[in-house]
Amino acid sequence: MTKTDFVSLVAEKSGLTKKDAARAVDAFCEAVKEAAAKGEKVVLPGFGAFAVVTTKERKGRDLRTGEEIVIPAKRAVRFRVGKLLKEAVK
């Protein structure tokens, strides 16, 4: 499903115009992005949670040369699926 399809579905389910639904979807994405930048967790009960995790520095291998390299630590956003969403997919 593309963003356009998603916006159309939100508009249909909520009774909003497509323009207002697009603004709502964009606002949601922006809010999650800002929370992640601050390192905050966004929890939507039953749906899931967006959380920032920090990976440790680790050793890897350059596949072209076979040389051992160090993969630096980094921060990433993870999504953990909520119970109601898991059940809906089953």
N, C-alpha and C. Protein backbone atom coordinates (compact mmCIF):
# COMPACT_ATOMS: atom_id res chain seq x y z
N MET A 1 0.85 -1.17 0.00
CA MET A 1 0.00 0.00 0.00
C MET A 1 0.90 1.24 0.00
N THR A 2 0.62 2.15 -0.90
CA THR A 2 1.39 3.38 -0.98
C THR A 2 0.80 4.42 -0.03
N LYS A 3 1.52 5.52 0.13
CA LYS A 3 1.03 6.60 0.99
C LYS A 3 -0.30 7.14 0.46
N THR A 4 -0.43 7.27 -0.85
CA THR A 4 -1.67 7.77 -1.44
C THR A 4 -2.83 6.84 -1.12
N ASP A 5 -2.60 5.53 -1.23
CA ASP A 5 -3.63 4.55 -0.89
C ASP A 5 -4.00 4.65 0.59
N PHE A 6 -2.99 4.81 1.42
CA PHE A 6 -3.21 4.90 2.86
C PHE A 6 -4.01 6.16 3.21
N VAL A 7 -3.67 7.28 2.60
CA VAL A 7 -4.39 8.53 2.83
C VAL A 7 -5.85 8.38 2.40
N SER A 8 -6.08 7.74 1.27
CA SER A 8 -7.45 7.51 0.80
C SER A 8 -8.23 6.66 1.79
N LEU A 9 -7.60 5.63 2.33
CA LEU A 9 -8.25 4.76 3.30
C LEU A 9 -8.57 5.51 4.59
N VAL A 10 -7.63 6.33 5.07
CA VAL A 10 -7.86 7.13 6.27
C VAL A 10 -9.01 8.11 6.04
N ALA A 11 -9.05 8.72 4.87
CA ALA A 11 -10.13 9.66 4.54
C ALA A 11 -11.48 8.95 4.54
N GLU A 12 -11.51 7.78 3.96
CA GLU A 12 -12.75 7.00 3.89
C GLU A 12 -13.22 6.57 5.29
N LYS A 13 -12.29 6.07 6.12
CA LYS A 13 -12.65 5.56 7.45
C LYS A 13 -13.03 6.69 8.41
N SER A 14 -12.44 7.86 8.24
CA SER A 14 -12.64 8.95 9.21
C SER A 14 -13.67 9.99 8.77
N GLY A 15 -14.02 9.98 7.49
CA GLY A 15 -14.94 10.99 6.99
C GLY A 15 -14.27 12.32 6.69
N LEU A 16 -12.95 12.34 6.72
CA LEU A 16 -12.20 13.55 6.38
C LEU A 16 -12.04 13.66 4.87
N THR A 17 -11.69 14.84 4.41
CA THR A 17 -11.33 14.99 3.00
C THR A 17 -9.94 14.38 2.82
N LYS A 18 -9.59 14.07 1.59
CA LYS A 18 -8.25 13.51 1.35
C LYS A 18 -7.16 14.48 1.76
N LYS A 19 -7.41 15.77 1.56
CA LYS A 19 -6.43 16.79 1.92
C LYS A 19 -6.21 16.80 3.44
N ASP A 20 -7.30 16.75 4.21
CA ASP A 20 -7.19 16.73 5.67
C ASP A 20 -6.57 15.42 6.17
N ALA A 21 -6.93 14.32 5.52
CA ALA A 21 -6.35 13.02 5.89
C ALA A 21 -4.84 13.01 5.62
N ALA A 22 -4.43 13.61 4.51
CA ALA A 22 -3.00 13.69 4.19
C ALA A 22 -2.27 14.51 5.23
N ARG A 23 -2.89 15.61 5.68
CA ARG A 23 -2.28 16.43 6.73
C ARG A 23 -2.16 15.63 8.04
N ALA A 24 -3.19 14.85 8.36
CA ALA A 24 -3.17 14.04 9.58
C ALA A 24 -2.07 12.98 9.52
N VAL A 25 -1.95 12.31 8.39
CA VAL A 25 -0.90 11.29 8.22
C VAL A 25 0.48 11.93 8.32
N ASP A 26 0.66 13.07 7.65
CA ASP A 26 1.94 13.77 7.72
C ASP A 26 2.26 14.22 9.14
N ALA A 27 1.24 14.70 9.86
CA ALA A 27 1.44 15.15 11.24
C ALA A 27 1.84 13.98 12.13
N PHE A 28 1.22 12.82 11.93
CA PHE A 28 1.58 11.63 12.70
C PHE A 28 3.03 11.24 12.44
N CYS A 29 3.41 11.19 11.18
CA CYS A 29 4.79 10.82 10.82
C CYS A 29 5.78 11.81 11.42
N GLU A 30 5.47 13.09 11.37
CA GLU A 30 6.34 14.13 11.91
C GLU A 30 6.47 14.00 13.44
N ALA A 31 5.36 13.70 14.11
CA ALA A 31 5.37 13.54 15.56
C ALA A 31 6.23 12.35 15.97
N VAL A 32 6.12 11.24 15.24
CA VAL A 32 6.94 10.06 15.54
C VAL A 32 8.41 10.38 15.29
N LYS A 33 8.69 11.10 14.21
CA LYS A 33 10.08 11.46 13.88
C LYS A 33 10.69 12.36 14.96
N GLU A 34 9.93 13.35 15.43
CA GLU A 34 10.42 14.24 16.48
C GLU A 34 10.65 13.49 17.79
N ALA A 35 9.74 12.60 18.15
CA ALA A 35 9.90 11.81 19.38
C ALA A 35 11.13 10.92 19.27
N ALA A 36 11.34 10.31 18.13
CA ALA A 36 12.50 9.43 17.94
C ALA A 36 13.80 10.24 18.03
N ALA A 37 13.81 11.44 17.47
CA ALA A 37 15.00 12.28 17.52
C ALA A 37 15.37 12.63 18.96
N LYS A 38 14.34 12.73 19.84
CA LYS A 38 14.59 13.00 21.25
C LYS A 38 14.88 11.74 22.05
N GLY A 39 14.75 10.57 21.40
CA GLY A 39 14.99 9.30 22.09
C GLY A 39 13.78 8.81 22.87
N GLU A 40 12.61 9.40 22.61
CA GLU A 40 11.40 9.00 23.31
C GLU A 40 10.71 7.83 22.62
N LYS A 41 9.92 7.09 23.39
CA LYS A 41 9.17 5.95 22.88
C LYS A 41 7.74 6.41 22.58
N VAL A 42 7.19 5.99 21.44
CA VAL A 42 5.81 6.30 21.08
C VAL A 42 5.02 5.01 21.16
N VAL A 43 4.06 4.94 22.08
CA VAL A 43 3.28 3.73 22.30
C VAL A 43 1.83 3.97 21.88
N LEU A 44 1.32 3.12 21.02
CA LEU A 44 -0.08 3.14 20.60
C LEU A 44 -0.68 1.82 21.07
N PRO A 45 -1.37 1.82 22.22
CA PRO A 45 -1.87 0.57 22.82
C PRO A 45 -2.66 -0.29 21.82
N GLY A 46 -2.31 -1.56 21.76
CA GLY A 46 -2.96 -2.49 20.86
C GLY A 46 -2.37 -2.51 19.48
N PHE A 47 -1.77 -1.40 19.05
CA PHE A 47 -1.20 -1.30 17.71
C PHE A 47 0.28 -1.63 17.72
N GLY A 48 1.04 -0.93 18.58
CA GLY A 48 2.48 -1.17 18.64
C GLY A 48 3.21 0.00 19.25
N ALA A 49 4.54 -0.08 19.21
CA ALA A 49 5.37 0.96 19.81
C ALA A 49 6.60 1.20 18.94
N PHE A 50 6.93 2.48 18.79
CA PHE A 50 8.16 2.90 18.13
C PHE A 50 9.16 3.23 19.23
N ALA A 51 10.34 2.65 19.19
CA ALA A 51 11.35 2.92 20.21
C ALA A 51 12.72 3.07 19.57
N VAL A 52 13.54 3.91 20.18
CA VAL A 52 14.91 4.11 19.71
C VAL A 52 15.80 3.15 20.47
N VAL A 53 16.61 2.39 19.74
CA VAL A 53 17.55 1.46 20.35
C VAL A 53 18.95 1.82 19.90
N THR A 54 19.92 1.50 20.73
CA THR A 54 21.31 1.73 20.39
C THR A 54 22.00 0.39 20.20
N THR A 55 22.61 0.21 19.04
CA THR A 55 23.35 -1.03 18.79
C THR A 55 24.79 -0.82 19.26
N LYS A 56 25.40 -1.89 19.68
CA LYS A 56 26.79 -1.83 20.13
C LYS A 56 27.74 -1.90 18.94
N GLU A 57 28.94 -1.42 19.17
CA GLU A 57 29.99 -1.57 18.17
C GLU A 57 30.29 -3.06 18.05
N ARG A 58 30.49 -3.54 16.82
CA ARG A 58 30.75 -4.96 16.65
C ARG A 58 31.71 -5.20 15.49
N LYS A 59 32.23 -6.41 15.43
CA LYS A 59 33.15 -6.77 14.36
C LYS A 59 32.38 -7.37 13.20
N GLY A 60 32.83 -7.07 11.99
CA GLY A 60 32.23 -7.62 10.79
C GLY A 60 33.33 -7.95 9.80
N ARG A 61 32.93 -8.28 8.60
CA ARG A 61 33.91 -8.65 7.58
C ARG A 61 33.55 -7.97 6.27
N ASP A 62 34.57 -7.37 5.62
CA ASP A 62 34.39 -6.77 4.30
C ASP A 62 34.28 -7.94 3.31
N LEU A 63 33.14 -8.08 2.67
CA LEU A 63 32.92 -9.23 1.79
C LEU A 63 33.80 -9.23 0.55
N ARG A 64 34.22 -8.06 0.12
CA ARG A 64 35.09 -7.99 -1.07
C ARG A 64 36.52 -8.44 -0.77
N THR A 65 37.05 -7.99 0.38
CA THR A 65 38.46 -8.27 0.68
C THR A 65 38.63 -9.35 1.73
N GLY A 66 37.58 -9.64 2.49
CA GLY A 66 37.69 -10.62 3.57
C GLY A 66 38.32 -10.03 4.82
N GLU A 67 38.66 -8.74 4.77
CA GLU A 67 39.30 -8.07 5.89
C GLU A 67 38.29 -7.84 7.02
N GLU A 68 38.75 -8.00 8.26
CA GLU A 68 37.88 -7.74 9.40
C GLU A 68 37.75 -6.24 9.61
N ILE A 69 36.51 -5.77 9.84
CA ILE A 69 36.26 -4.35 10.05
C ILE A 69 35.45 -4.16 11.32
N VAL A 70 35.43 -2.93 11.81
CA VAL A 70 34.63 -2.60 12.98
C VAL A 70 33.39 -1.84 12.51
N ILE A 71 32.23 -2.35 12.87
CA ILE A 71 30.97 -1.69 12.54
C ILE A 71 30.62 -0.80 13.73
N PRO A 72 30.54 0.52 13.52
CA PRO A 72 30.34 1.43 14.65
C PRO A 72 28.96 1.29 15.29
N ALA A 73 28.88 1.72 16.56
CA ALA A 73 27.59 1.76 17.25
C ALA A 73 26.70 2.78 16.58
N LYS A 74 25.38 2.55 16.65
CA LYS A 74 24.46 3.51 16.05
C LYS A 74 23.11 3.44 16.75
N ARG A 75 22.29 4.44 16.49
CA ARG A 75 20.92 4.47 17.00
C ARG A 75 19.98 4.16 15.85
N ALA A 76 18.93 3.39 16.13
CA ALA A 76 17.95 3.04 15.11
C ALA A 76 16.56 3.01 15.73
N VAL A 77 15.55 3.16 14.89
CA VAL A 77 14.17 3.09 15.36
C VAL A 77 13.65 1.68 15.09
N ARG A 78 13.04 1.09 16.10
CA ARG A 78 12.43 -0.23 15.97
C ARG A 78 10.94 -0.11 16.24
N PHE A 79 10.17 -0.95 15.57
CA PHE A 79 8.72 -1.00 15.80
C PHE A 79 8.40 -2.36 16.38
N ARG A 80 7.71 -2.35 17.50
CA ARG A 80 7.29 -3.60 18.12
C ARG A 80 5.77 -3.70 17.98
N VAL A 81 5.29 -4.77 17.39
CA VAL A 81 3.88 -4.95 17.10
C VAL A 81 3.09 -5.20 18.38
N GLY A 82 1.91 -4.57 18.48
CA GLY A 82 1.04 -4.76 19.63
C GLY A 82 0.19 -6.01 19.48
N LYS A 83 -0.42 -6.41 20.59
CA LYS A 83 -1.18 -7.65 20.64
C LYS A 83 -2.37 -7.66 19.68
N LEU A 84 -3.15 -6.58 19.65
CA LEU A 84 -4.33 -6.53 18.78
C LEU A 84 -3.96 -6.59 17.30
N LEU A 85 -2.87 -5.95 16.93
CA LEU A 85 -2.43 -5.99 15.54
C LEU A 85 -1.94 -7.38 15.16
N LYS A 86 -1.21 -8.02 16.08
CA LYS A 86 -0.74 -9.40 15.84
C LYS A 86 -1.92 -10.32 15.59
N GLU A 87 -2.95 -10.21 16.44
CA GLU A 87 -4.12 -11.06 16.31
C GLU A 87 -4.89 -10.79 15.03
N ALA A 88 -4.94 -9.54 14.60
CA ALA A 88 -5.64 -9.18 13.37
C ALA A 88 -4.95 -9.79 12.15
N VAL A 89 -3.63 -9.90 12.19
CA VAL A 89 -2.87 -10.44 11.08
C VAL A 89 -3.01 -11.97 10.99
N LYS A 90 -3.16 -12.61 12.15
CA LYS A 90 -3.32 -14.07 12.16
C LYS A 90 -4.57 -14.39 11.45
